[in-house]
Amino acid sequence: MRMNRLLLMRAVVCMFAALAMITSSAGSGCDEAPPTSSQGAEQGDNSNSNGGGNSNGGGTSNGGGNGSSGEKLSGGKRPGGLFRSSPVSPPCDPVQAGGDIAEKIRLKQLDTLTLCFVGFDEGGPEVEVSLTGPDGVERTYSTSFDGQNWNFYLVASLDLPLGDHDLRAAQSSDGPAITGQVEVVRATVPTVLQTADKAASGGPGLQIELAGYPPRSEVAVFLYGPAEGARFEFARPLPVAEVDENGEGVYSVEADSDDAAGDYGIWVRPEACKEACATYVKS
């Protein structure tokens, strides 16, 4: 009799729990079914969704041709068409020969520094700029004269060491000079720089450097062309580019032998360019 009462009480409790489950969608705690195999598989898939153990980072990624077997092609959204980018030279405040650049210049990787110098002999030899980096190496650069200023352009490619660089501009070792300091720092947003208008193999194509990406991530690359006027239409996805632990990398695109002659451009995602990031010509 006592056992019958206990069974009756349990049945009543489970009945009320079932009613509560219907109204609140909460589990009753009575004879709940275990997760199905499909639920377990979904949980297992989600636990691996952030993995990226196959990314090598660093080195040179190749995006040649249509992508050979085994290459991971870029996917996802991309713009339907691109236009050629139109670089605009920033305004330049001339620095007088014999003076100093008062404030340290901060230059992010893959950005370009523009300086213009006045007060040097317009008919004299070219003004030469030297940068002595934190590695103790002195790097020299040329300038161009536009009839008014001596113009200097410094591109902070990935081979330019991070840190402070001492700058000196002069026409001769014993003549008036301009001195200053440039600090090269890491890029903080996705940035792309075209470093060559040929592929790494020397064939038609291009090479780029990437910086400012999440560490050891993949960058989708898309090819456009041949151009019709100023506009590039989408051609195909290229193999993904891989960046290293610093979010930096180099990437080479080689024209496919079946591609028509003309101008081509590339675009990347995560986005670093509003228009074509880099271009090349296939003759």
C-alpha atoms as a PDB file:
ATOM      1  CA  MET A   1       0.000   0.000   0.000  1.00  0.00           C
ATOM      2  CA  ARG A   2       2.826   2.413   0.883  1.00  0.00           C
ATOM      3  CA  MET A   3       4.518   1.585  -2.423  1.00  0.00           C
ATOM      4  CA  ASN A   4       1.298   2.305  -4.325  1.00  0.00           C
ATOM      5  CA  ARG A   5       1.010   5.717  -2.654  1.00  0.00           C
ATOM      6  CA  LEU A   6       4.606   6.567  -3.605  1.00  0.00           C
ATOM      7  CA  LEU A   7       4.001   5.585  -7.227  1.00  0.00           C
ATOM      8  CA  LEU A   8       0.802   7.625  -7.276  1.00  0.00           C
ATOM      9  CA  MET A   9       2.611  10.685  -5.853  1.00  0.00           C
ATOM     10  CA  ARG A  10       5.410  10.361  -8.440  1.00  0.00           C
ATOM     11  CA  ALA A  11       2.858  10.111 -11.249  1.00  0.00           C
ATOM     12  CA  VAL A  12       1.134  13.284  -9.990  1.00  0.00           C
ATOM     13  CA  VAL A  13       4.455  15.163  -9.756  1.00  0.00           C
ATOM     14  CA  CYS A  14       5.437  14.152 -13.294  1.00  0.00           C
ATOM     15  CA  MET A  15       1.985  15.130 -14.580  1.00  0.00           C
ATOM     16  CA  PHE A  16       2.339  18.653 -13.167  1.00  0.00           C
ATOM     17  CA  ALA A  17       5.905  18.873 -14.444  1.00  0.00           C
ATOM     18  CA  ALA A  18       4.729  17.883 -17.913  1.00  0.00           C
ATOM     19  CA  LEU A  19       2.077  20.608 -17.817  1.00  0.00           C
ATOM     20  CA  ALA A  20       4.726  23.140 -16.803  1.00  0.00           C
ATOM     21  CA  MET A  21       6.972  22.004 -19.670  1.00  0.00           C
ATOM     22  CA  ILE A  22       4.161  22.586 -22.159  1.00  0.00           C
ATOM     23  CA  THR A  23       3.618  26.152 -20.986  1.00  0.00           C
ATOM     24  CA  SER A  24       7.245  27.139 -20.388  1.00  0.00           C
ATOM     25  CA  SER A  25       9.180  24.842 -22.782  1.00  0.00           C
ATOM     26  CA  ALA A  26      11.386  23.832 -19.811  1.00  0.00           C
ATOM     27  CA  GLY A  27      12.449  20.212 -19.214  1.00  0.00           C
ATOM     28  CA  SER A  28      10.471  18.214 -16.658  1.00  0.00           C
ATOM     29  CA  GLY A  29      13.335  16.236 -15.176  1.00  0.00           C
ATOM     30  CA  CYS A  30      11.320  13.018 -15.600  1.00  0.00           C
ATOM     31  CA  ASP A  31      12.627  10.497 -18.111  1.00  0.00           C
ATOM     32  CA  GLU A  32      14.377  13.176 -20.262  1.00  0.00           C
ATOM     33  CA  ALA A  33      15.709  11.820 -23.501  1.00  0.00           C
ATOM     34  CA  PRO A  34      19.497  12.070 -24.002  1.00  0.00           C
ATOM     35  CA  PRO A  35      20.839  14.337 -26.779  1.00  0.00           C
ATOM     36  CA  THR A  36      20.545  12.832 -30.241  1.00  0.00           C
ATOM     37  CA  SER A  37      23.629  12.070 -32.305  1.00  0.00           C
ATOM     38  CA  SER A  38      22.906  15.077 -34.576  1.00  0.00           C
ATOM     39  CA  GLN A  39      22.926  17.412 -31.570  1.00  0.00           C
ATOM     40  CA  GLY A  40      26.210  15.963 -30.447  1.00  0.00           C
ATOM     41  CA  ALA A  41      27.665  16.408 -33.924  1.00  0.00           C
ATOM     42  CA  GLU A  42      26.587  20.056 -34.004  1.00  0.00           C
ATOM     43  CA  GLN A  43      28.251  20.683 -30.669  1.00  0.00           C
ATOM     44  CA  GLY A  44      31.404  18.993 -31.891  1.00  0.00           C
ATOM     45  CA  ASP A  45      31.437  21.072 -35.082  1.00  0.00           C
ATOM     46  CA  ASN A  46      31.029  24.313 -33.132  1.00  0.00           C
ATOM     47  CA  SER A  47      33.914  23.448 -30.846  1.00  0.00           C
ATOM     48  CA  ASN A  48      36.200  23.241 -33.886  1.00  0.00           C
ATOM     49  CA  SER A  49      34.869  26.249 -35.792  1.00  0.00           C
ATOM     50  CA  ASN A  50      37.638  28.553 -34.617  1.00  0.00           C
ATOM     51  CA  GLY A  51      40.499  26.250 -35.440  1.00  0.00           C
ATOM     52  CA  GLY A  52      43.193  27.356 -37.859  1.00  0.00           C
ATOM     53  CA  GLY A  53      46.032  24.953 -37.371  1.00  0.00           C
ATOM     54  CA  ASN A  54      46.802  24.683 -41.072  1.00  0.00           C
ATOM     55  CA  SER A  55      47.840  28.306 -41.530  1.00  0.00           C
ATOM     56  CA  ASN A  56      51.583  28.536 -42.030  1.00  0.00           C
ATOM     57  CA  GLY A  57      51.899  32.326 -41.803  1.00  0.00           C
ATOM     58  CA  GLY A  58      54.916  34.253 -43.077  1.00  0.00           C
ATOM     59  CA  GLY A  59      56.775  33.427 -46.264  1.00  0.00           C
ATOM     60  CA  THR A  60      55.359  33.996 -49.721  1.00  0.00           C
ATOM     61  CA  SER A  61      51.846  32.925 -50.710  1.00  0.00           C
ATOM     62  CA  ASN A  62      51.262  32.308 -54.383  1.00  0.00           C
ATOM     63  CA  GLY A  63      48.074  33.161 -56.218  1.00  0.00           C
ATOM     64  CA  GLY A  64      49.043  32.136 -59.709  1.00  0.00           C
ATOM     65  CA  GLY A  65      46.727  30.868 -62.392  1.00  0.00           C
ATOM     66  CA  ASN A  66      43.352  29.334 -61.579  1.00  0.00           C
ATOM     67  CA  GLY A  67      44.507  27.663 -58.379  1.00  0.00           C
ATOM     68  CA  SER A  68      46.088  24.219 -58.564  1.00  0.00           C
ATOM     69  CA  SER A  69      44.812  21.129 -56.789  1.00  0.00           C
ATOM     70  CA  GLY A  70      45.153  21.406 -53.019  1.00  0.00           C
ATOM     71  CA  GLU A  71      45.117  25.214 -52.913  1.00  0.00           C
ATOM     72  CA  LYS A  72      42.432  26.812 -50.778  1.00  0.00           C
ATOM     73  CA  LEU A  73      40.594  29.317 -52.954  1.00  0.00           C
ATOM     74  CA  SER A  74      39.210  32.572 -51.590  1.00  0.00           C
ATOM     75  CA  GLY A  75      35.474  32.655 -50.983  1.00  0.00           C
ATOM     76  CA  GLY A  76      32.729  34.872 -49.641  1.00  0.00           C
ATOM     77  CA  LYS A  77      31.447  38.232 -50.719  1.00  0.00           C
ATOM     78  CA  ARG A  78      33.376  40.407 -53.130  1.00  0.00           C
ATOM     79  CA  PRO A  79      32.438  43.496 -55.176  1.00  0.00           C
ATOM     80  CA  GLY A  80      31.011  42.988 -58.651  1.00  0.00           C
ATOM     81  CA  GLY A  81      33.465  45.401 -60.227  1.00  0.00           C
ATOM     82  CA  LEU A  82      36.387  47.642 -59.342  1.00  0.00           C
ATOM     83  CA  PHE A  83      37.872  50.891 -60.557  1.00  0.00           C
ATOM     84  CA  ARG A  84      41.514  51.860 -60.738  1.00  0.00           C
ATOM     85  CA  SER A  85      42.661  53.680 -57.643  1.00  0.00           C
ATOM     86  CA  SER A  86      43.846  57.243 -58.135  1.00  0.00           C
ATOM     87  CA  PRO A  87      46.677  58.068 -55.707  1.00  0.00           C
ATOM     88  CA  VAL A  88      46.636  61.633 -54.481  1.00  0.00           C
ATOM     89  CA  SER A  89      49.885  63.251 -53.386  1.00  0.00           C
ATOM     90  CA  PRO A  90      49.473  64.731 -49.903  1.00  0.00           C
ATOM     91  CA  PRO A  91      50.330  68.386 -49.331  1.00  0.00           C
ATOM     92  CA  CYS A  92      53.918  68.965 -48.281  1.00  0.00           C
ATOM     93  CA  ASP A  93      55.300  71.607 -45.930  1.00  0.00           C
ATOM     94  CA  PRO A  94      58.856  72.389 -47.112  1.00  0.00           C
ATOM     95  CA  VAL A  95      61.712  71.917 -44.658  1.00  0.00           C
ATOM     96  CA  GLN A  96      64.555  74.437 -44.897  1.00  0.00           C
ATOM     97  CA  ALA A  97      68.105  73.239 -45.520  1.00  0.00           C
ATOM     98  CA  GLY A  98      70.257  73.642 -42.417  1.00  0.00           C
ATOM     99  CA  GLY A  99      67.300  73.038 -40.095  1.00  0.00           C
ATOM    100  CA  ASP A 100      65.812  70.157 -38.185  1.00  0.00           C
ATOM    101  CA  ILE A 101      62.472  68.402 -38.376  1.00  0.00           C
ATOM    102  CA  ALA A 102      61.165  69.400 -34.970  1.00  0.00           C
ATOM    103  CA  GLU A 103      58.884  66.471 -34.155  1.00  0.00           C
ATOM    104  CA  LYS A 104      59.494  62.759 -34.548  1.00  0.00           C
ATOM    105  CA  ILE A 105      57.586  61.409 -37.546  1.00  0.00           C
ATOM    106  CA  ARG A 106      55.503  58.300 -36.900  1.00  0.00           C
ATOM    107  CA  LEU A 107      55.171  56.072 -39.977  1.00  0.00           C
ATOM    108  CA  LYS A 108      53.029  52.928 -40.093  1.00  0.00           C
ATOM    109  CA  GLN A 109      54.142  49.882 -42.047  1.00  0.00           C
ATOM    110  CA  LEU A 110      53.223  49.969 -45.753  1.00  0.00           C
ATOM    111  CA  ASP A 111      52.372  53.690 -45.562  1.00  0.00           C
ATOM    112  CA  THR A 112      54.306  56.352 -47.494  1.00  0.00           C
ATOM    113  CA  LEU A 113      56.063  59.373 -45.990  1.00  0.00           C
ATOM    114  CA  THR A 114      56.381  62.468 -48.183  1.00  0.00           C
ATOM    115  CA  LEU A 115      58.891  65.200 -47.345  1.00  0.00           C
ATOM    116  CA  CYS A 116      59.993  68.177 -49.424  1.00  0.00           C
ATOM    117  CA  PHE A 117      63.174  70.190 -48.893  1.00  0.00           C
ATOM    118  CA  VAL A 118      64.080  73.755 -49.902  1.00  0.00           C
ATOM    119  CA  GLY A 119      67.208  75.862 -49.593  1.00  0.00           C
ATOM    120  CA  PHE A 120      69.563  73.461 -51.329  1.00  0.00           C
ATOM    121  CA  ASP A 121      71.472  74.396 -54.486  1.00  0.00           C
ATOM    122  CA  GLU A 122      68.999  73.951 -57.340  1.00  0.00           C
ATOM    123  CA  GLY A 123      71.828  73.466 -59.820  1.00  0.00           C
ATOM    124  CA  GLY A 124      73.866  71.265 -57.518  1.00  0.00           C
ATOM    125  CA  PRO A 125      73.952  67.508 -57.082  1.00  0.00           C
ATOM    126  CA  GLU A 126      70.867  65.561 -56.058  1.00  0.00           C
ATOM    127  CA  VAL A 127      69.854  65.751 -52.419  1.00  0.00           C
ATOM    128  CA  GLU A 128      70.504  62.367 -50.830  1.00  0.00           C
ATOM    129  CA  VAL A 129      68.586  61.102 -47.802  1.00  0.00           C
ATOM    130  CA  SER A 130      70.048  58.570 -45.387  1.00  0.00           C
ATOM    131  CA  LEU A 131      68.204  56.622 -42.696  1.00  0.00           C
ATOM    132  CA  THR A 132      70.141  54.903 -39.939  1.00  0.00           C
ATOM    133  CA  GLY A 133      67.867  52.348 -38.325  1.00  0.00           C
ATOM    134  CA  PRO A 134      67.783  50.563 -34.975  1.00  0.00           C
ATOM    135  CA  ASP A 135      69.771  47.761 -36.583  1.00  0.00           C
ATOM    136  CA  GLY A 136      72.656  50.172 -37.202  1.00  0.00           C
ATOM    137  CA  VAL A 137      72.300  49.899 -40.988  1.00  0.00           C
ATOM    138  CA  GLU A 138      72.391  53.106 -43.044  1.00  0.00           C
ATOM    139  CA  ARG A 139      69.949  53.101 -45.969  1.00  0.00           C
ATOM    140  CA  THR A 140      70.197  55.768 -48.668  1.00  0.00           C
ATOM    141  CA  TYR A 141      67.440  57.170 -50.863  1.00  0.00           C
ATOM    142  CA  SER A 142      67.235  59.541 -53.791  1.00  0.00           C
ATOM    143  CA  THR A 143      65.069  62.635 -54.231  1.00  0.00           C
ATOM    144  CA  SER A 144      63.536  64.403 -57.226  1.00  0.00           C
ATOM    145  CA  PHE A 145      63.509  68.138 -57.991  1.00  0.00           C
ATOM    146  CA  ASP A 146      60.264  69.634 -59.335  1.00  0.00           C
ATOM    147  CA  GLY A 147      61.625  73.117 -60.027  1.00  0.00           C
ATOM    148  CA  GLN A 148      60.819  74.310 -56.528  1.00  0.00           C
ATOM    149  CA  ASN A 149      61.273  71.520 -53.973  1.00  0.00           C
ATOM    150  CA  TRP A 150      63.438  68.456 -53.551  1.00  0.00           C
ATOM    151  CA  ASN A 151      60.867  65.695 -52.933  1.00  0.00           C
ATOM    152  CA  PHE A 152      61.491  62.570 -50.879  1.00  0.00           C
ATOM    153  CA  TYR A 153      59.213  59.530 -50.658  1.00  0.00           C
ATOM    154  CA  LEU A 154      59.745  56.775 -48.101  1.00  0.00           C
ATOM    155  CA  VAL A 155      57.669  53.595 -48.313  1.00  0.00           C
ATOM    156  CA  ALA A 156      57.702  51.612 -45.075  1.00  0.00           C
ATOM    157  CA  SER A 157      57.862  48.142 -46.623  1.00  0.00           C
ATOM    158  CA  LEU A 158      58.158  45.103 -44.383  1.00  0.00           C
ATOM    159  CA  ASP A 159      61.951  44.985 -44.746  1.00  0.00           C
ATOM    160  CA  LEU A 160      62.296  48.386 -43.063  1.00  0.00           C
ATOM    161  CA  PRO A 161      62.916  47.619 -39.361  1.00  0.00           C
ATOM    162  CA  LEU A 162      60.467  48.763 -36.723  1.00  0.00           C
ATOM    163  CA  GLY A 163      61.748  51.482 -34.386  1.00  0.00           C
ATOM    164  CA  ASP A 164      63.542  54.831 -34.600  1.00  0.00           C
ATOM    165  CA  HIS A 165      65.487  55.839 -37.703  1.00  0.00           C
ATOM    166  CA  ASP A 166      67.782  58.881 -37.805  1.00  0.00           C
ATOM    167  CA  LEU A 167      67.207  60.887 -40.988  1.00  0.00           C
ATOM    168  CA  ARG A 168      69.722  63.148 -42.725  1.00  0.00           C
ATOM    169  CA  ALA A 169      69.226  64.957 -46.054  1.00  0.00           C
ATOM    170  CA  ALA A 170      72.113  66.746 -47.748  1.00  0.00           C
ATOM    171  CA  GLN A 171      73.792  67.403 -51.095  1.00  0.00           C
ATOM    172  CA  SER A 172      77.280  66.797 -49.705  1.00  0.00           C
ATOM    173  CA  SER A 173      78.921  65.613 -46.514  1.00  0.00           C
ATOM    174  CA  ASP A 174      80.134  69.131 -45.601  1.00  0.00           C
ATOM    175  CA  GLY A 175      77.173  71.178 -46.851  1.00  0.00           C
ATOM    176  CA  PRO A 176      73.928  72.221 -45.116  1.00  0.00           C
ATOM    177  CA  ALA A 177      71.763  69.293 -43.992  1.00  0.00           C
ATOM    178  CA  ILE A 178      68.322  68.549 -42.641  1.00  0.00           C
ATOM    179  CA  THR A 179      68.015  66.092 -39.770  1.00  0.00           C
ATOM    180  CA  GLY A 180      65.125  64.411 -38.058  1.00  0.00           C
ATOM    181  CA  GLN A 181      63.808  61.123 -36.734  1.00  0.00           C
ATOM    182  CA  VAL A 182      61.282  58.666 -38.156  1.00  0.00           C
ATOM    183  CA  GLU A 183      59.667  55.957 -36.055  1.00  0.00           C
ATOM    184  CA  VAL A 184      58.339  52.962 -37.981  1.00  0.00           C
ATOM    185  CA  VAL A 185      55.462  51.208 -36.197  1.00  0.00           C
ATOM    186  CA  ARG A 186      53.234  48.247 -37.003  1.00  0.00           C
ATOM    187  CA  ALA A 187      50.114  48.760 -39.090  1.00  0.00           C
ATOM    188  CA  THR A 188      46.932  48.729 -37.012  1.00  0.00           C
ATOM    189  CA  VAL A 189      44.413  48.268 -39.847  1.00  0.00           C
ATOM    190  CA  PRO A 190      44.514  45.982 -42.912  1.00  0.00           C
ATOM    191  CA  THR A 191      46.944  47.505 -45.403  1.00  0.00           C
ATOM    192  CA  VAL A 192      48.233  46.348 -48.798  1.00  0.00           C
ATOM    193  CA  LEU A 193      51.281  47.614 -50.678  1.00  0.00           C
ATOM    194  CA  GLN A 194      52.247  46.627 -54.226  1.00  0.00           C
ATOM    195  CA  THR A 195      55.970  45.973 -54.271  1.00  0.00           C
ATOM    196  CA  ALA A 196      56.469  44.681 -57.825  1.00  0.00           C
ATOM    197  CA  ASP A 197      54.680  44.634 -61.171  1.00  0.00           C
ATOM    198  CA  LYS A 198      55.889  41.100 -61.891  1.00  0.00           C
ATOM    199  CA  ALA A 199      55.201  37.792 -60.193  1.00  0.00           C
ATOM    200  CA  ALA A 200      57.806  36.237 -57.902  1.00  0.00           C
ATOM    201  CA  SER A 201      58.747  33.935 -60.799  1.00  0.00           C
ATOM    202  CA  GLY A 202      59.523  36.961 -62.976  1.00  0.00           C
ATOM    203  CA  GLY A 203      56.520  36.376 -65.220  1.00  0.00           C
ATOM    204  CA  PRO A 204      53.550  38.708 -65.720  1.00  0.00           C
ATOM    205  CA  GLY A 205      51.724  39.413 -62.490  1.00  0.00           C
ATOM    206  CA  LEU A 206      52.426  41.314 -59.296  1.00  0.00           C
ATOM    207  CA  GLN A 207      53.647  41.064 -55.715  1.00  0.00           C
ATOM    208  CA  ILE A 208      52.122  42.652 -52.631  1.00  0.00           C
ATOM    209  CA  GLU A 209      52.850  42.951 -48.934  1.00  0.00           C
ATOM    210  CA  LEU A 210      50.116  42.760 -46.302  1.00  0.00           C
ATOM    211  CA  ALA A 211      50.089  44.110 -42.757  1.00  0.00           C
ATOM    212  CA  GLY A 212      47.629  44.981 -40.004  1.00  0.00           C
ATOM    213  CA  TYR A 213      45.681  41.718 -40.166  1.00  0.00           C
ATOM    214  CA  PRO A 214      44.793  39.410 -37.242  1.00  0.00           C
ATOM    215  CA  PRO A 215      47.729  37.116 -36.403  1.00  0.00           C
ATOM    216  CA  ARG A 216      47.946  33.899 -38.425  1.00  0.00           C
ATOM    217  CA  SER A 217      44.776  34.656 -40.353  1.00  0.00           C
ATOM    218  CA  GLU A 218      43.780  34.129 -43.963  1.00  0.00           C
ATOM    219  CA  VAL A 219      43.127  36.932 -46.443  1.00  0.00           C
ATOM    220  CA  ALA A 220      40.827  36.329 -49.395  1.00  0.00           C
ATOM    221  CA  VAL A 221      42.202  37.539 -52.742  1.00  0.00           C
ATOM    222  CA  PHE A 222      40.132  38.118 -55.897  1.00  0.00           C
ATOM    223  CA  LEU A 223      41.263  38.775 -59.468  1.00  0.00           C
ATOM    224  CA  TYR A 224      39.550  41.280 -61.796  1.00  0.00           C
ATOM    225  CA  GLY A 225      40.094  41.966 -65.478  1.00  0.00           C
ATOM    226  CA  PRO A 226      40.905  42.495 -68.182  1.00  0.00           C
ATOM    227  CA  ALA A 227      39.875  46.092 -67.661  1.00  0.00           C
ATOM    228  CA  GLU A 228      37.402  47.911 -69.849  1.00  0.00           C
ATOM    229  CA  GLY A 229      38.459  51.504 -69.568  1.00  0.00           C
ATOM    230  CA  ALA A 230      38.824  52.325 -65.881  1.00  0.00           C
ATOM    231  CA  ARG A 231      36.647  49.437 -64.675  1.00  0.00           C
ATOM    232  CA  PHE A 232      37.679  45.887 -63.814  1.00  0.00           C
ATOM    233  CA  GLU A 233      35.076  43.108 -63.877  1.00  0.00           C
ATOM    234  CA  PHE A 234      35.397  40.068 -61.605  1.00  0.00           C
ATOM    235  CA  ALA A 235      37.448  37.223 -63.107  1.00  0.00           C
ATOM    236  CA  ARG A 236      37.933  34.567 -60.407  1.00  0.00           C
ATOM    237  CA  PRO A 237      38.964  33.922 -56.798  1.00  0.00           C
ATOM    238  CA  LEU A 238      42.647  33.319 -56.114  1.00  0.00           C
ATOM    239  CA  PRO A 239      44.227  31.156 -53.397  1.00  0.00           C
ATOM    240  CA  VAL A 240      44.052  32.741 -49.956  1.00  0.00           C
ATOM    241  CA  ALA A 241      47.003  34.697 -48.594  1.00  0.00           C
ATOM    242  CA  GLU A 242      48.326  33.696 -45.177  1.00  0.00           C
ATOM    243  CA  VAL A 243      49.842  36.145 -42.686  1.00  0.00           C
ATOM    244  CA  ASP A 244      52.217  35.377 -39.834  1.00  0.00           C
ATOM    245  CA  GLU A 245      52.011  35.899 -36.084  1.00  0.00           C
ATOM    246  CA  ASN A 246      52.426  39.661 -36.631  1.00  0.00           C
ATOM    247  CA  GLY A 247      49.580  39.842 -39.156  1.00  0.00           C
ATOM    248  CA  GLU A 248      52.061  40.366 -42.016  1.00  0.00           C
ATOM    249  CA  GLY A 249      52.835  38.507 -45.209  1.00  0.00           C
ATOM    250  CA  VAL A 250      53.845  38.666 -48.852  1.00  0.00           C
ATOM    251  CA  TYR A 251      51.806  37.375 -51.791  1.00  0.00           C
ATOM    252  CA  SER A 252      52.542  36.818 -55.462  1.00  0.00           C
ATOM    253  CA  VAL A 253      50.030  36.715 -58.318  1.00  0.00           C
ATOM    254  CA  GLU A 254      51.085  35.181 -61.617  1.00  0.00           C
ATOM    255  CA  ALA A 255      48.991  35.626 -64.756  1.00  0.00           C
ATOM    256  CA  ASP A 256      47.403  32.483 -66.158  1.00  0.00           C
ATOM    257  CA  SER A 257      48.480  31.463 -69.639  1.00  0.00           C
ATOM    258  CA  ASP A 258      44.824  31.372 -70.723  1.00  0.00           C
ATOM    259  CA  ASP A 259      44.091  34.931 -69.577  1.00  0.00           C
ATOM    260  CA  ALA A 260      43.421  37.468 -72.302  1.00  0.00           C
ATOM    261  CA  ALA A 261      45.871  40.323 -72.743  1.00  0.00           C
ATOM    262  CA  GLY A 262      45.053  43.489 -70.814  1.00  0.00           C
ATOM    263  CA  ASP A 263      45.123  45.180 -67.433  1.00  0.00           C
ATOM    264  CA  TYR A 264      44.261  43.223 -64.274  1.00  0.00           C
ATOM    265  CA  GLY A 265      43.669  44.183 -60.667  1.00  0.00           C
ATOM    266  CA  ILE A 266      43.212  42.440 -57.328  1.00  0.00           C
ATOM    267  CA  TRP A 267      41.049  43.120 -54.277  1.00  0.00           C
ATOM    268  CA  VAL A 268      41.347  41.592 -50.799  1.00  0.00           C
ATOM    269  CA  ARG A 269      39.096  40.812 -47.842  1.00  0.00           C
ATOM    270  CA  PRO A 270      39.223  41.773 -44.979  1.00  0.00           C
ATOM    271  CA  GLU A 271      39.062  44.969 -46.983  1.00  0.00           C
ATOM    272  CA  ALA A 272      42.185  47.102 -47.275  1.00  0.00           C
ATOM    273  CA  CYS A 273      41.270  49.034 -50.447  1.00  0.00           C
ATOM    274  CA  LYS A 274      38.150  50.756 -51.725  1.00  0.00           C
ATOM    275  CA  GLU A 275      39.214  50.096 -55.304  1.00  0.00           C
ATOM    276  CA  ALA A 276      41.848  47.859 -56.896  1.00  0.00           C
ATOM    277  CA  CYS A 277      44.630  47.182 -54.377  1.00  0.00           C
ATOM    278  CA  ALA A 278      47.253  46.469 -57.042  1.00  0.00           C
ATOM    279  CA  THR A 279      47.393  46.080 -60.826  1.00  0.00           C
ATOM    280  CA  TYR A 280      49.467  44.435 -63.553  1.00  0.00           C
ATOM    281  CA  VAL A 281      49.488  44.181 -67.330  1.00  0.00           C
ATOM    282  CA  LYS A 282      49.500  40.973 -69.325  1.00  0.00           C
ATOM    283  CA  SER A 283      50.723  41.549 -72.868  1.00  0.00           C
END
